[in-house]
Amino acid sequence: MCGRNKRPPTNNLNAMLSFLYTLLAHDVQSALETVGLDPYVGFLHRDRPGRASLAMDIMEEFRAFIVDRLVLSLINRRQIVAKGFTIRESGGVMMDDNTRKDVLTAWQKKKQEEITHPFLNEKVCIGLLPYIQALLLARHLRGDLEAYPPFLWK
């Protein structure tokens, strides 16, 4: 593998990453909308029509901690196998239905795991992290918090 590729992903690893990044992006976008923030107005990612730039900004805090770790665990535990992917004529790689189901199941289990939030110092489900960070950002932007505490896992 020569690195990250997408649209379409050209290998199994990138197919899983793209799929899970899409799920994470939707979770973050929903969280931002829930707290009253516009997910299309970002700080780090350039604003473009149809691009949820703020969602992509917040998503950066979770990529390695949630998605990358999950994909590596699925591979290392041999829960996902090479025969669960097909290469299309375009060169893009797609997961079959069973593999997609296995990845979705692992994703839902991951979101139910509990951690102690590094800023709040409270136990929370991983699935609530996008909402918590969106809420902290909203509180900062509204002047209730002096600084935005990014999610940094030690």
Protein backbone atom coordinates (compact mmCIF):
# COMPACT_ATOMS: atom_id res chain seq x y z
CA MET A 1 0.00 0.00 0.00
CA CYS A 2 1.29 3.46 -0.88
CA GLY A 3 -0.83 5.51 1.51
CA ARG A 4 -4.35 6.76 1.94
CA ASN A 5 -6.57 6.83 -1.13
CA LYS A 6 -10.27 7.42 -1.61
CA ARG A 7 -12.99 8.10 -4.18
CA PRO A 8 -12.84 5.21 -4.79
CA PRO A 9 -10.60 3.43 -2.28
CA THR A 10 -8.22 1.11 -4.12
CA ASN A 11 -7.53 -1.43 -1.39
CA ASN A 12 -9.27 -3.16 1.51
CA LEU A 13 -7.78 -0.96 4.23
CA ASN A 14 -8.82 2.27 2.53
CA ALA A 15 -12.28 0.85 1.83
CA MET A 16 -12.83 0.27 5.56
CA LEU A 17 -11.34 3.65 6.50
CA SER A 18 -13.52 5.50 3.98
CA PHE A 19 -16.65 3.70 5.14
CA LEU A 20 -16.03 4.40 8.84
CA TYR A 21 -14.90 8.00 8.25
CA THR A 22 -18.22 8.55 6.49
CA LEU A 23 -20.12 7.18 9.50
CA LEU A 24 -18.07 9.33 11.86
CA ALA A 25 -18.64 12.43 9.70
CA HIS A 26 -22.40 11.90 9.87
CA ASP A 27 -22.27 11.48 13.65
CA VAL A 28 -20.24 14.67 14.04
CA GLN A 29 -22.46 16.64 11.67
CA SER A 30 -25.58 15.54 13.59
CA ALA A 31 -23.94 16.49 16.89
CA LEU A 32 -23.07 19.97 15.61
CA GLU A 33 -26.61 20.53 14.34
CA THR A 34 -28.02 19.30 17.66
CA VAL A 35 -26.14 22.01 19.59
CA GLY A 36 -27.07 24.70 17.09
CA LEU A 37 -23.83 25.01 15.13
CA ASP A 38 -23.61 25.16 11.35
CA PRO A 39 -21.55 22.12 10.28
CA TYR A 40 -20.68 23.80 6.97
CA VAL A 41 -18.70 26.73 8.44
CA GLY A 42 -15.31 25.42 9.49
CA PHE A 43 -12.05 26.68 10.90
CA LEU A 44 -9.46 24.24 9.55
CA HIS A 45 -11.08 22.87 6.39
CA ARG A 46 -11.84 25.30 3.60
CA ASP A 47 -15.48 26.18 3.13
CA ARG A 48 -16.88 24.72 -0.09
CA PRO A 49 -20.49 24.30 -1.17
CA GLY A 50 -21.85 21.02 0.14
CA ARG A 51 -18.83 20.33 2.37
CA ALA A 52 -19.45 20.07 6.11
CA SER A 53 -16.17 21.80 6.98
CA LEU A 54 -16.78 22.20 10.72
CA ALA A 55 -17.81 18.55 10.94
CA MET A 56 -14.55 17.62 9.25
CA ASP A 57 -12.65 19.88 11.69
CA ILE A 58 -14.15 18.19 14.76
CA MET A 59 -13.84 14.76 13.14
CA GLU A 60 -10.03 15.14 13.11
CA GLU A 61 -10.05 14.74 16.89
CA PHE A 62 -11.54 11.24 16.58
CA ARG A 63 -10.06 9.71 13.43
CA ALA A 64 -7.09 7.96 15.02
CA PHE A 65 -8.71 7.26 18.38
CA ILE A 66 -11.92 5.70 17.09
CA VAL A 67 -11.73 4.75 13.41
CA ASP A 68 -8.07 3.94 12.79
CA ARG A 69 -7.80 1.87 15.98
CA LEU A 70 -11.00 0.00 15.16
CA VAL A 71 -9.83 -0.86 11.63
CA LEU A 72 -6.46 -2.07 12.88
CA SER A 73 -8.14 -4.16 15.58
CA LEU A 74 -10.48 -5.78 13.05
CA ILE A 75 -7.50 -6.68 10.86
CA ASN A 76 -5.24 -7.87 13.70
CA ARG A 77 -7.99 -10.01 15.21
CA ARG A 78 -8.74 -11.42 11.75
CA GLN A 79 -12.38 -10.40 12.08
CA ILE A 80 -12.24 -9.04 8.54
CA VAL A 81 -10.79 -11.15 5.74
CA ALA A 82 -9.61 -10.32 2.23
CA LYS A 83 -12.31 -12.38 0.52
CA GLY A 84 -14.90 -9.94 1.93
CA PHE A 85 -13.86 -7.32 -0.62
CA THR A 86 -14.27 -7.07 -4.38
CA ILE A 87 -12.37 -5.02 -6.91
CA ARG A 88 -14.57 -3.25 -9.44
CA GLU A 89 -13.63 -2.61 -13.07
CA SER A 90 -12.83 1.00 -12.12
CA GLY A 91 -10.20 -0.29 -9.66
CA GLY A 92 -12.27 0.69 -6.65
CA VAL A 93 -12.60 -1.76 -3.77
CA MET A 94 -15.97 -2.49 -2.17
CA MET A 95 -16.95 -4.47 0.93
CA ASP A 96 -19.45 -7.27 0.46
CA ASP A 97 -22.65 -7.25 2.52
CA ASN A 98 -21.33 -9.59 5.23
CA THR A 99 -18.13 -7.61 5.69
CA ARG A 100 -20.06 -4.33 5.82
CA LYS A 101 -22.35 -5.87 8.45
CA ASP A 102 -19.35 -7.04 10.50
CA VAL A 103 -17.76 -3.57 10.30
CA LEU A 104 -21.04 -1.89 11.29
CA THR A 105 -21.45 -4.26 14.23
CA ALA A 106 -17.90 -3.52 15.41
CA TRP A 107 -18.58 0.23 14.96
CA GLN A 108 -21.70 0.05 17.14
CA LYS A 109 -19.84 -1.92 19.83
CA LYS A 110 -16.99 0.59 19.77
CA LYS A 111 -19.43 3.46 20.29
CA GLN A 112 -20.79 1.72 23.42
CA GLU A 113 -17.36 1.46 25.09
CA GLU A 114 -16.80 3.81 28.00
CA ILE A 115 -13.82 6.07 28.60
CA THR A 116 -13.08 8.88 31.02
CA HIS A 117 -13.33 12.13 29.09
CA PRO A 118 -9.99 13.96 29.45
CA PHE A 119 -11.56 17.40 30.02
CA LEU A 120 -14.78 16.55 31.84
CA ASN A 121 -13.14 13.76 33.86
CA GLU A 122 -16.39 11.77 33.66
CA LYS A 123 -17.15 8.34 32.20
CA VAL A 124 -18.83 8.63 28.81
CA CYS A 125 -19.62 6.32 25.92
CA ILE A 126 -17.37 6.80 22.91
CA GLY A 127 -20.49 7.32 20.81
CA LEU A 128 -21.24 10.51 22.78
CA LEU A 129 -17.84 12.09 22.11
CA PRO A 130 -18.93 13.99 18.97
CA TYR A 131 -21.88 15.49 20.87
CA ILE A 132 -19.73 16.38 23.88
CA GLN A 133 -17.09 18.09 21.74
CA ALA A 134 -19.76 19.92 19.73
CA LEU A 135 -21.32 21.12 22.99
CA LEU A 136 -17.93 22.27 24.32
CA LEU A 137 -17.27 24.16 21.07
CA ALA A 138 -20.70 25.80 21.20
CA ARG A 139 -20.12 26.83 24.81
CA HIS A 140 -16.76 28.34 23.86
CA LEU A 141 -18.18 30.23 20.87
CA ARG A 142 -20.99 31.59 23.05
CA GLY A 143 -18.51 32.78 25.68
CA ASP A 144 -19.29 30.21 28.39
CA LEU A 145 -15.83 28.58 28.14
CA GLU A 146 -12.63 30.55 27.87
CA ALA A 147 -11.02 28.09 25.45
CA TYR A 148 -12.16 25.10 23.45
CA PRO A 149 -10.73 21.90 24.97
CA PRO A 150 -9.98 19.55 22.03
CA PHE A 151 -10.34 15.82 22.61
CA LEU A 152 -6.80 14.59 23.18
CA TRP A 153 -6.45 10.97 24.21
CA LYS A 154 -3.36 10.14 26.23
